[in-house]
PDB file of N, CA and C in Angstrom:
ATOM      1  N   MET A   1    -218.000  45.370 -47.372  1.00  0.00           N
ATOM      2  CA  MET A   1    -218.860  45.642 -48.497  1.00  0.00           C
ATOM      3  C   MET A   1    -218.405  44.808 -49.695  1.00  0.00           C
ATOM      4  N   ALA A   2    -219.352  44.293 -50.459  1.00  0.00           N
ATOM      5  CA  ALA A   2    -219.040  43.417 -51.583  1.00  0.00           C
ATOM      6  C   ALA A   2    -218.505  44.221 -52.767  1.00  0.00           C
ATOM      7  N   LYS A   3    -217.600  43.608 -53.511  1.00  0.00           N
ATOM      8  CA  LYS A   3    -217.060  44.235 -54.719  1.00  0.00           C
ATOM      9  C   LYS A   3    -218.031  44.055 -55.874  1.00  0.00           C
ATOM     10  N   LYS A   4    -217.976  44.949 -56.850  1.00  0.00           N
ATOM     11  CA  LYS A   4    -218.847  44.868 -58.024  1.00  0.00           C
ATOM     12  C   LYS A   4    -218.052  44.527 -59.276  1.00  0.00           C
ATOM     13  N   GLU A   5    -216.947  43.830 -59.117  1.00  0.00           N
ATOM     14  CA  GLU A   5    -216.119  43.503 -60.276  1.00  0.00           C
ATOM     15  C   GLU A   5    -216.767  42.460 -61.171  1.00  0.00           C
ATOM     16  N   ASN A   6    -217.543  41.554 -60.600  1.00  0.00           N
ATOM     17  CA  ASN A   6    -218.136  40.471 -61.374  1.00  0.00           C
ATOM     18  C   ASN A   6    -219.483  40.844 -61.975  1.00  0.00           C
ATOM     19  N   ARG A   7    -220.004  42.024 -61.645  1.00  0.00           N
ATOM     20  CA  ARG A   7    -221.307  42.440 -62.161  1.00  0.00           C
ATOM     21  C   ARG A   7    -221.151  43.064 -63.543  1.00  0.00           C
ATOM     22  N   LEU A   8    -222.097  42.774 -64.408  1.00  0.00           N
ATOM     23  CA  LEU A   8    -222.067  43.251 -65.785  1.00  0.00           C
ATOM     24  C   LEU A   8    -223.438  43.823 -66.130  1.00  0.00           C
ATOM     25  N   VAL A   9    -223.501  45.027 -66.686  1.00  0.00           N
ATOM     26  CA  VAL A   9    -224.769  45.646 -67.078  1.00  0.00           C
ATOM     27  C   VAL A   9    -225.180  45.081 -68.428  1.00  0.00           C
ATOM     28  N   VAL A  10    -226.408  44.536 -68.514  1.00  0.00           N
ATOM     29  CA  VAL A  10    -226.921  43.963 -69.754  1.00  0.00           C
ATOM     30  C   VAL A  10    -228.245  44.628 -70.107  1.00  0.00           C
ATOM     31  N   THR A  11    -228.581  44.606 -71.392  1.00  0.00           N
ATOM     32  CA  THR A  11    -229.822  45.169 -71.899  1.00  0.00           C
ATOM     33  C   THR A  11    -230.761  44.039 -72.267  1.00  0.00           C
ATOM     34  N   LEU A  12    -232.044  44.185 -71.913  1.00  0.00           N
ATOM     35  CA  LEU A  12    -233.044  43.168 -72.226  1.00  0.00           C
ATOM     36  C   LEU A  12    -233.922  43.644 -73.371  1.00  0.00           C
ATOM     37  N   GLU A  13    -234.154  42.757 -74.348  1.00  0.00           N
ATOM     38  CA  GLU A  13    -234.932  43.082 -75.536  1.00  0.00           C
ATOM     39  C   GLU A  13    -236.176  42.207 -75.586  1.00  0.00           C
ATOM     40  N   CYS A  14    -237.309  42.799 -75.910  1.00  0.00           N
ATOM     41  CA  CYS A  14    -238.563  42.060 -76.034  1.00  0.00           C
ATOM     42  C   CYS A  14    -238.481  41.126 -77.241  1.00  0.00           C
ATOM     43  N   THR A  15    -238.942  39.889 -77.077  1.00  0.00           N
ATOM     44  CA  THR A  15    -238.871  38.927 -78.179  1.00  0.00           C
ATOM     45  C   THR A  15    -239.967  39.148 -79.215  1.00  0.00           C
ATOM     46  N   GLU A  16    -241.024  39.887 -78.860  1.00  0.00           N
ATOM     47  CA  GLU A  16    -242.122  40.092 -79.805  1.00  0.00           C
ATOM     48  C   GLU A  16    -241.985  41.387 -80.602  1.00  0.00           C
ATOM     49  N   CYS A  17    -241.731  42.507 -79.923  1.00  0.00           N
ATOM     50  CA  CYS A  17    -241.654  43.784 -80.642  1.00  0.00           C
ATOM     51  C   CYS A  17    -240.212  44.208 -80.930  1.00  0.00           C
ATOM     52  N   LYS A  18    -239.221  43.499 -80.361  1.00  0.00           N
ATOM     53  CA  LYS A  18    -237.785  43.729 -80.595  1.00  0.00           C
ATOM     54  C   LYS A  18    -237.295  45.075 -80.069  1.00  0.00           C
ATOM     55  N   ARG A  19    -237.985  45.653 -79.105  1.00  0.00           N
ATOM     56  CA  ARG A  19    -237.531  46.903 -78.495  1.00  0.00           C
ATOM     57  C   ARG A  19    -236.721  46.602 -77.254  1.00  0.00           C
ATOM     58  N   ARG A  20    -235.753  47.451 -76.992  1.00  0.00           N
ATOM     59  CA  ARG A  20    -234.895  47.280 -75.818  1.00  0.00           C
ATOM     60  C   ARG A  20    -235.500  48.093 -74.679  1.00  0.00           C
ATOM     61  N   ASN A  21    -236.184  47.393 -73.771  1.00  0.00           N
ATOM     62  CA  ASN A  21    -236.977  48.049 -72.745  1.00  0.00           C
ATOM     63  C   ASN A  21    -236.283  48.169 -71.397  1.00  0.00           C
ATOM     64  N   TYR A  22    -235.445  47.217 -71.026  1.00  0.00           N
ATOM     65  CA  TYR A  22    -234.908  47.161 -69.673  1.00  0.00           C
ATOM     66  C   TYR A  22    -233.395  46.995 -69.672  1.00  0.00           C
ATOM     67  N   THR A  23    -232.768  47.480 -68.589  1.00  0.00           N
ATOM     68  CA  THR A  23    -231.373  47.172 -68.312  1.00  0.00           C
ATOM     69  C   THR A  23    -231.319  46.549 -66.931  1.00  0.00           C
ATOM     70  N   THR A  24    -230.388  45.626 -66.735  1.00  0.00           N
ATOM     71  CA  THR A  24    -230.227  44.956 -65.450  1.00  0.00           C
ATOM     72  C   THR A  24    -228.774  44.553 -65.296  1.00  0.00           C
ATOM     73  N   GLU A  25    -228.426  44.028 -64.147  1.00  0.00           N
ATOM     74  CA  GLU A  25    -227.078  43.540 -63.900  1.00  0.00           C
ATOM     75  C   GLU A  25    -227.107  42.034 -63.729  1.00  0.00           C
ATOM     76  N   LYS A  26    -226.024  41.386 -64.131  1.00  0.00           N
ATOM     77  CA  LYS A  26    -225.902  39.959 -63.891  1.00  0.00           C
ATOM     78  C   LYS A  26    -224.470  39.649 -63.485  1.00  0.00           C
ATOM     79  N   ASN A  27    -224.301  38.553 -62.794  1.00  0.00           N
ATOM     80  CA  ASN A  27    -222.988  38.097 -62.366  1.00  0.00           C
ATOM     81  C   ASN A  27    -222.396  37.273 -63.498  1.00  0.00           C
ATOM     82  N   LYS A  28    -221.281  37.720 -64.067  1.00  0.00           N
ATOM     83  CA  LYS A  28    -220.720  37.025 -65.227  1.00  0.00           C
ATOM     84  C   LYS A  28    -220.047  35.717 -64.863  1.00  0.00           C
ATOM     85  N   LYS A  29    -219.737  35.501 -63.582  1.00  0.00           N
ATOM     86  CA  LYS A  29    -219.172  34.212 -63.165  1.00  0.00           C
ATOM     87  C   LYS A  29    -220.247  33.146 -63.021  1.00  0.00           C
ATOM     88  N   ASN A  30    -221.371  33.500 -62.394  1.00  0.00           N
ATOM     89  CA  ASN A  30    -222.432  32.525 -62.137  1.00  0.00           C
ATOM     90  C   ASN A  30    -223.365  32.334 -63.325  1.00  0.00           C
ATOM     91  N   ASP A  31    -223.628  33.393 -64.091  1.00  0.00           N
ATOM     92  CA  ASP A  31    -224.562  33.348 -65.218  1.00  0.00           C
ATOM     93  C   ASP A  31    -223.805  33.599 -66.507  1.00  0.00           C
ATOM     94  N   THR A  32    -223.232  32.562 -67.083  1.00  0.00           N
ATOM     95  CA  THR A  32    -222.458  32.744 -68.311  1.00  0.00           C
ATOM     96  C   THR A  32    -223.347  32.778 -69.544  1.00  0.00           C
ATOM     97  N   ALA A  33    -224.503  32.112 -69.496  1.00  0.00           N
ATOM     98  CA  ALA A  33    -225.414  32.092 -70.641  1.00  0.00           C
ATOM     99  C   ALA A  33    -226.256  33.374 -70.649  1.00  0.00           C
ATOM    100  N   ARG A  34    -226.936  33.621 -71.770  1.00  0.00           N
ATOM    101  CA  ARG A  34    -227.810  34.785 -71.858  1.00  0.00           C
ATOM    102  C   ARG A  34    -229.050  34.559 -70.996  1.00  0.00           C
ATOM    103  N   ILE A  35    -229.472  35.606 -70.291  1.00  0.00           N
ATOM    104  CA  ILE A  35    -230.615  35.460 -69.403  1.00  0.00           C
ATOM    105  C   ILE A  35    -231.908  35.783 -70.132  1.00  0.00           C
ATOM    106  N   GLU A  36    -233.000  35.149 -69.719  1.00  0.00           N
ATOM    107  CA  GLU A  36    -234.333  35.407 -70.241  1.00  0.00           C
ATOM    108  C   GLU A  36    -235.265  35.617 -69.062  1.00  0.00           C
ATOM    109  N   LEU A  37    -235.992  36.735 -69.078  1.00  0.00           N
ATOM    110  CA  LEU A  37    -236.922  37.068 -68.011  1.00  0.00           C
ATOM    111  C   LEU A  37    -238.267  37.437 -68.617  1.00  0.00           C
ATOM    112  N   LYS A  38    -239.333  37.117 -67.884  1.00  0.00           N
ATOM    113  CA  LYS A  38    -240.657  37.520 -68.326  1.00  0.00           C
ATOM    114  C   LYS A  38    -240.957  38.878 -67.710  1.00  0.00           C
ATOM    115  N   LYS A  39    -241.007  39.922 -68.557  1.00  0.00           N
ATOM    116  CA  LYS A  39    -241.183  41.294 -68.102  1.00  0.00           C
ATOM    117  C   LYS A  39    -242.356  41.924 -68.861  1.00  0.00           C
ATOM    118  N   TYR A  40    -242.833  43.062 -68.367  1.00  0.00           N
ATOM    119  CA  TYR A  40    -243.941  43.771 -69.005  1.00  0.00           C
ATOM    120  C   TYR A  40    -243.414  44.649 -70.138  1.00  0.00           C
ATOM    121  N   CYS A  41    -244.023  44.517 -71.301  1.00  0.00           N
ATOM    122  CA  CYS A  41    -243.698  45.359 -72.465  1.00  0.00           C
ATOM    123  C   CYS A  41    -244.820  46.377 -72.635  1.00  0.00           C
ATOM    124  N   ARG A  42    -244.486  47.664 -72.516  1.00  0.00           N
ATOM    125  CA  ARG A  42    -245.540  48.676 -72.574  1.00  0.00           C
ATOM    126  C   ARG A  42    -246.048  48.917 -73.991  1.00  0.00           C
ATOM    127  N   TRP A  43    -245.318  48.503 -75.006  1.00  0.00           N
ATOM    128  CA  TRP A  43    -245.791  48.651 -76.380  1.00  0.00           C
ATOM    129  C   TRP A  43    -246.751  47.522 -76.754  1.00  0.00           C
ATOM    130  N   ASP A  44    -246.513  46.319 -76.252  1.00  0.00           N
ATOM    131  CA  ASP A  44    -247.435  45.199 -76.481  1.00  0.00           C
ATOM    132  C   ASP A  44    -248.553  45.175 -75.443  1.00  0.00           C
ATOM    133  N   ARG A  45    -248.352  45.893 -74.333  1.00  0.00           N
ATOM    134  CA  ARG A  45    -249.292  45.963 -73.210  1.00  0.00           C
ATOM    135  C   ARG A  45    -249.576  44.591 -72.610  1.00  0.00           C
ATOM    136  N   LYS A  46    -248.528  43.774 -72.480  1.00  0.00           N
ATOM    137  CA  LYS A  46    -248.644  42.465 -71.841  1.00  0.00           C
ATOM    138  C   LYS A  46    -247.264  41.996 -71.408  1.00  0.00           C
ATOM    139  N   HIS A  47    -247.229  40.933 -70.621  1.00  0.00           N
ATOM    140  CA  HIS A  47    -245.969  40.340 -70.186  1.00  0.00           C
ATOM    141  C   HIS A  47    -245.435  39.436 -71.295  1.00  0.00           C
ATOM    142  N   THR A  48    -244.181  39.649 -71.672  1.00  0.00           N
ATOM    143  CA  THR A  48    -243.542  38.858 -72.726  1.00  0.00           C
ATOM    144  C   THR A  48    -242.149  38.464 -72.262  1.00  0.00           C
ATOM    145  N   MET A  49    -241.530  37.541 -72.986  1.00  0.00           N
ATOM    146  CA  MET A  49    -240.162  37.146 -72.688  1.00  0.00           C
ATOM    147  C   MET A  49    -239.210  38.232 -73.179  1.00  0.00           C
ATOM    148  N   HIS A  50    -238.251  38.571 -72.339  1.00  0.00           N
ATOM    149  CA  HIS A  50    -237.211  39.530 -72.681  1.00  0.00           C
ATOM    150  C   HIS A  50    -235.877  38.803 -72.606  1.00  0.00           C
ATOM    151  N   ARG A  51    -235.071  38.929 -73.649  1.00  0.00           N
ATOM    152  CA  ARG A  51    -233.812  38.222 -73.778  1.00  0.00           C
ATOM    153  C   ARG A  51    -232.653  39.214 -73.732  1.00  0.00           C
ATOM    154  N   GLU A  52    -231.557  38.762 -73.193  1.00  0.00           N
ATOM    155  CA  GLU A  52    -230.351  39.593 -73.113  1.00  0.00           C
ATOM    156  C   GLU A  52    -229.764  39.822 -74.506  1.00  0.00           C
ATOM    157  N   THR A  53    -229.339  41.073 -74.767  1.00  0.00           N
ATOM    158  CA  THR A  53    -228.697  41.406 -76.041  1.00  0.00           C
ATOM    159  C   THR A  53    -227.242  41.763 -75.770  1.00  0.00           C
ATOM    160  N   LYS A  54    -226.470  41.874 -76.823  1.00  0.00           N
ATOM    161  CA  LYS A  54    -225.065  42.243 -76.686  1.00  0.00           C
ATOM    162  C   LYS A  54    -224.914  43.739 -76.584  1.00  0.00           C
TER     163      LYS A  54
END
């Protein structure tokens, strides 16, 4: 079974409404930069870019 030592829980924030809608995991060894994903924002009612926050 794989170890989860390199996994890090991050929060994703909508770039338009600035709400923190999602949490996800990322590998801190492979993905050192902040991640950006296109996700659905239920307050804007459309798909928008979500950026990793600290």
